[in-house]
């Protein structure tokens, strides 16, 4: 074995020992509150990836979409094959600039939150995605304190993912995991429209 290969192997053996010790020190298991926020694309997409992973493990999952309206999306078609293992609720009426009716938007978000609370209470749901809840909170369509309190007191084994730009500091503080998606470059800026199979 060459000197370079030997040095690499010794370095990786040390790295593995450190990594193994760090993994072994993590002993807690609990339902996580995860927040996907930031100006970049991919927040809901990442949540859908978690949903797919959970389905692959045999879990029952839920999705409540707070803002997105009646789009015909690929993800909705994809999860349909899982039947009642997915509780999917698209309850928004479209983005606020489309509806142009604040009272209607607030009513839709309140209804969506009531459905979300019902799913949080359902012991068969192990992962719940609250898609664009951050938008509803940003516009004060829902009471932030009440939402954070409900998410904090959810049952111990329930994982919840909240998506949307501009996550409120109180929600970030309550969360176990917060990922901010940055925007480095977006094809929309170059005139490329939203495309089936990529955006929806």
Protein backbone atom coordinates (compact mmCIF):
# COMPACT_ATOMS: atom_id res chain seq x y z
CA UNK A 1 0.00 0.00 0.00
CA UNK A 2 1.36 3.46 -0.88
CA UNK A 3 2.19 6.07 1.73
CA UNK A 4 -0.70 8.22 0.48
CA UNK A 5 -3.16 5.32 0.78
CA UNK A 6 -1.88 4.46 4.25
CA UNK A 7 -2.24 8.07 5.45
CA UNK A 8 -5.76 8.22 4.01
CA UNK A 9 -6.77 4.99 5.71
CA UNK A 10 -5.38 6.13 9.08
CA UNK A 11 -7.15 9.47 8.74
CA UNK A 12 -10.47 7.77 7.91
CA UNK A 13 -10.10 5.31 10.81
CA UNK A 14 -9.73 8.26 13.20
CA UNK A 15 -12.65 10.06 11.56
CA UNK A 16 -14.82 6.95 11.87
CA UNK A 17 -14.00 6.60 15.57
CA UNK A 18 -15.02 10.23 16.22
CA UNK A 19 -18.19 9.85 14.12
CA UNK A 20 -19.17 6.56 15.80
CA UNK A 21 -18.69 8.11 19.27
CA UNK A 22 -20.83 11.11 18.33
CA UNK A 23 -23.63 8.92 16.95
CA UNK A 24 -23.54 6.65 20.03
CA UNK A 25 -23.95 9.69 22.30
CA UNK A 26 -27.32 10.56 20.73
CA UNK A 27 -29.90 8.57 22.68
CA UNK A 28 -33.13 10.61 22.54
CA UNK A 29 -35.98 9.71 20.22
CA UNK A 30 -38.91 12.11 19.83
CA UNK A 31 -41.28 13.64 17.37
CA UNK A 32 -39.59 16.61 15.71
CA UNK A 33 -40.93 20.04 14.79
CA UNK A 34 -39.14 20.92 11.55
CA UNK A 35 -39.31 24.24 9.71
CA UNK A 36 -38.35 24.73 6.06
CA UNK A 37 -38.10 28.45 5.32
CA UNK A 38 -36.12 30.97 3.29
CA UNK A 39 -36.40 32.56 -0.15
CA UNK A 40 -35.09 29.58 -2.11
CA UNK A 41 -37.03 26.94 -4.02
CA UNK A 42 -37.48 23.51 -2.48
CA UNK A 43 -39.16 23.93 0.90
CA UNK A 44 -42.32 21.96 0.10
CA UNK A 45 -40.32 19.61 -2.12
CA UNK A 46 -38.06 18.69 0.81
CA UNK A 47 -41.13 18.08 2.99
CA UNK A 48 -42.54 15.80 0.30
CA UNK A 49 -39.24 13.90 0.32
CA UNK A 50 -39.68 13.29 4.05
CA UNK A 51 -43.24 12.19 3.39
CA UNK A 52 -42.02 9.67 0.81
CA UNK A 53 -39.38 8.37 3.23
CA UNK A 54 -42.01 7.95 5.96
CA UNK A 55 -44.34 6.13 3.55
CA UNK A 56 -41.47 3.84 2.67
CA UNK A 57 -41.28 2.93 6.36
CA UNK A 58 -44.96 2.05 6.46
CA UNK A 59 -46.11 5.19 8.26
CA UNK A 60 -49.41 6.99 7.79
CA UNK A 61 -48.85 10.66 6.92
CA UNK A 62 -50.81 13.87 6.51
CA UNK A 63 -50.59 17.00 4.38
CA UNK A 64 -52.49 20.23 4.93
CA UNK A 65 -51.90 22.91 2.30
CA UNK A 66 -52.77 26.33 3.71
CA UNK A 67 -52.33 28.57 0.69
CA UNK A 68 -51.98 26.46 -2.44
CA UNK A 69 -55.30 26.07 -4.18
CA UNK A 70 -56.66 23.59 -6.65
CA UNK A 71 -53.50 23.02 -8.69
CA UNK A 72 -53.26 19.68 -10.44
CA UNK A 73 -49.91 18.63 -8.98
CA UNK A 74 -47.68 15.66 -9.64
CA UNK A 75 -47.17 15.03 -5.93
CA UNK A 76 -50.92 14.68 -5.37
CA UNK A 77 -51.09 12.05 -8.13
CA UNK A 78 -48.00 10.29 -6.78
CA UNK A 79 -49.28 9.86 -3.23
CA UNK A 80 -52.71 8.71 -4.42
CA UNK A 81 -51.24 5.23 -4.91
CA UNK A 82 -50.82 4.98 -1.12
CA UNK A 83 -54.57 5.24 -0.57
CA UNK A 84 -55.69 6.02 2.97
CA UNK A 85 -52.09 5.96 4.25
CA UNK A 86 -52.04 9.61 3.13
CA UNK A 87 -54.51 12.15 4.53
CA UNK A 88 -54.16 14.97 1.99
CA UNK A 89 -56.03 18.26 2.36
CA UNK A 90 -55.56 21.13 -0.10
CA UNK A 91 -57.53 23.85 1.65
CA UNK A 92 -56.05 27.10 0.41
CA UNK A 93 -57.70 29.11 -2.32
CA UNK A 94 -54.53 30.23 -4.03
CA UNK A 95 -51.97 32.89 -3.29
CA UNK A 96 -53.21 36.11 -1.70
CA UNK A 97 -52.57 38.12 -4.86
CA UNK A 98 -54.88 35.73 -6.71
CA UNK A 99 -57.80 35.68 -4.28
CA UNK A 100 -57.62 39.41 -3.42
CA UNK A 101 -60.07 38.70 -0.59
CA UNK A 102 -58.50 38.88 2.87
CA UNK A 103 -61.60 37.69 4.73
CA UNK A 104 -61.84 34.62 2.50
CA UNK A 105 -58.13 33.88 2.92
CA UNK A 106 -58.43 34.10 6.71
CA UNK A 107 -61.47 31.81 6.72
CA UNK A 108 -59.67 29.26 4.53
CA UNK A 109 -56.59 29.30 6.78
CA UNK A 110 -58.68 28.91 9.93
CA UNK A 111 -60.46 25.93 8.40
CA UNK A 112 -57.10 24.44 7.36
CA UNK A 113 -55.76 24.90 10.90
CA UNK A 114 -58.81 23.11 12.34
CA UNK A 115 -58.13 20.19 9.98
CA UNK A 116 -54.44 20.24 11.00
CA UNK A 117 -55.37 20.09 14.68
CA UNK A 118 -57.58 17.09 13.93
CA UNK A 119 -54.71 15.32 12.19
CA UNK A 120 -52.34 16.14 15.06
CA UNK A 121 -54.81 14.41 17.39
CA UNK A 122 -55.04 11.33 15.14
CA UNK A 123 -52.71 8.68 16.63
CA UNK A 124 -52.38 6.93 13.25
CA UNK A 125 -50.59 9.95 11.71
CA UNK A 126 -46.83 9.88 12.34
CA UNK A 127 -45.72 12.72 10.04
CA UNK A 128 -47.73 15.84 9.25
CA UNK A 129 -46.73 18.47 6.68
CA UNK A 130 -48.23 21.93 7.19
CA UNK A 131 -47.48 23.39 3.79
CA UNK A 132 -47.20 27.19 3.61
CA UNK A 133 -48.32 27.60 7.22
CA UNK A 134 -45.55 30.19 7.51
CA UNK A 135 -47.38 32.33 4.93
CA UNK A 136 -50.61 32.18 6.94
CA UNK A 137 -48.69 33.23 10.05
CA UNK A 138 -46.81 35.97 8.22
CA UNK A 139 -50.07 37.64 7.19
CA UNK A 140 -51.59 37.13 10.67
CA UNK A 141 -54.35 34.92 9.26
CA UNK A 142 -53.84 32.68 12.31
CA UNK A 143 -52.87 33.50 15.88
CA UNK A 144 -49.14 32.82 16.17
CA UNK A 145 -49.17 32.13 19.92
CA UNK A 146 -52.01 29.62 19.59
CA UNK A 147 -50.34 27.83 16.69
CA UNK A 148 -46.94 27.61 18.41
CA UNK A 149 -48.59 26.40 21.63
CA UNK A 150 -50.48 23.67 19.77
CA UNK A 151 -47.37 22.56 17.91
CA UNK A 152 -45.35 22.53 21.13
CA UNK A 153 -47.88 20.43 23.03
CA UNK A 154 -48.46 17.91 20.21
CA UNK A 155 -48.14 14.28 21.18
CA UNK A 156 -44.52 13.20 21.72
CA UNK A 157 -44.22 10.82 18.74
CA UNK A 158 -45.63 13.13 16.05
CA UNK A 159 -43.25 14.67 13.51
CA UNK A 160 -44.44 17.97 11.99
CA UNK A 161 -42.94 19.88 9.07
CA UNK A 162 -43.89 23.54 8.54
CA UNK A 163 -43.00 25.13 5.21
CA UNK A 164 -43.04 28.62 3.74
CA UNK A 165 -40.97 31.77 3.59
CA UNK A 166 -40.49 34.16 6.48
CA UNK A 167 -40.89 31.79 9.43
CA UNK A 168 -41.73 33.75 12.56
CA UNK A 169 -39.01 33.90 15.26
CA UNK A 170 -41.29 32.27 17.85
CA UNK A 171 -41.83 29.27 15.59
CA UNK A 172 -38.11 29.05 14.87
CA UNK A 173 -37.44 29.09 18.62
CA UNK A 174 -39.94 26.28 19.22
CA UNK A 175 -38.61 24.10 16.40
CA UNK A 176 -36.15 21.22 16.71
CA UNK A 177 -34.79 21.68 13.19
CA UNK A 178 -34.84 24.78 11.00
CA UNK A 179 -33.53 24.75 7.45
CA UNK A 180 -33.30 27.99 5.51
CA UNK A 181 -33.28 27.50 1.76
CA UNK A 182 -31.26 30.22 0.08
CA UNK A 183 -31.77 31.50 -3.42
CA UNK A 184 -28.54 31.49 -5.42
CA UNK A 185 -30.04 31.31 -8.90
CA UNK A 186 -33.56 30.64 -10.18
CA UNK A 187 -34.63 29.86 -13.73
CA UNK A 188 -37.79 31.98 -13.30
CA UNK A 189 -35.57 35.08 -13.34
CA UNK A 190 -34.34 34.06 -16.78
CA UNK A 191 -37.88 33.87 -18.14
CA UNK A 192 -38.44 30.11 -17.69
CA UNK A 193 -42.03 29.41 -16.67
CA UNK A 194 -43.20 26.97 -13.99
CA UNK A 195 -43.05 23.50 -15.55
CA UNK A 196 -45.04 20.33 -14.97
CA UNK A 197 -42.97 17.74 -13.12
CA UNK A 198 -40.60 20.38 -11.69
CA UNK A 199 -42.77 23.01 -9.99
CA UNK A 200 -46.06 21.10 -9.89
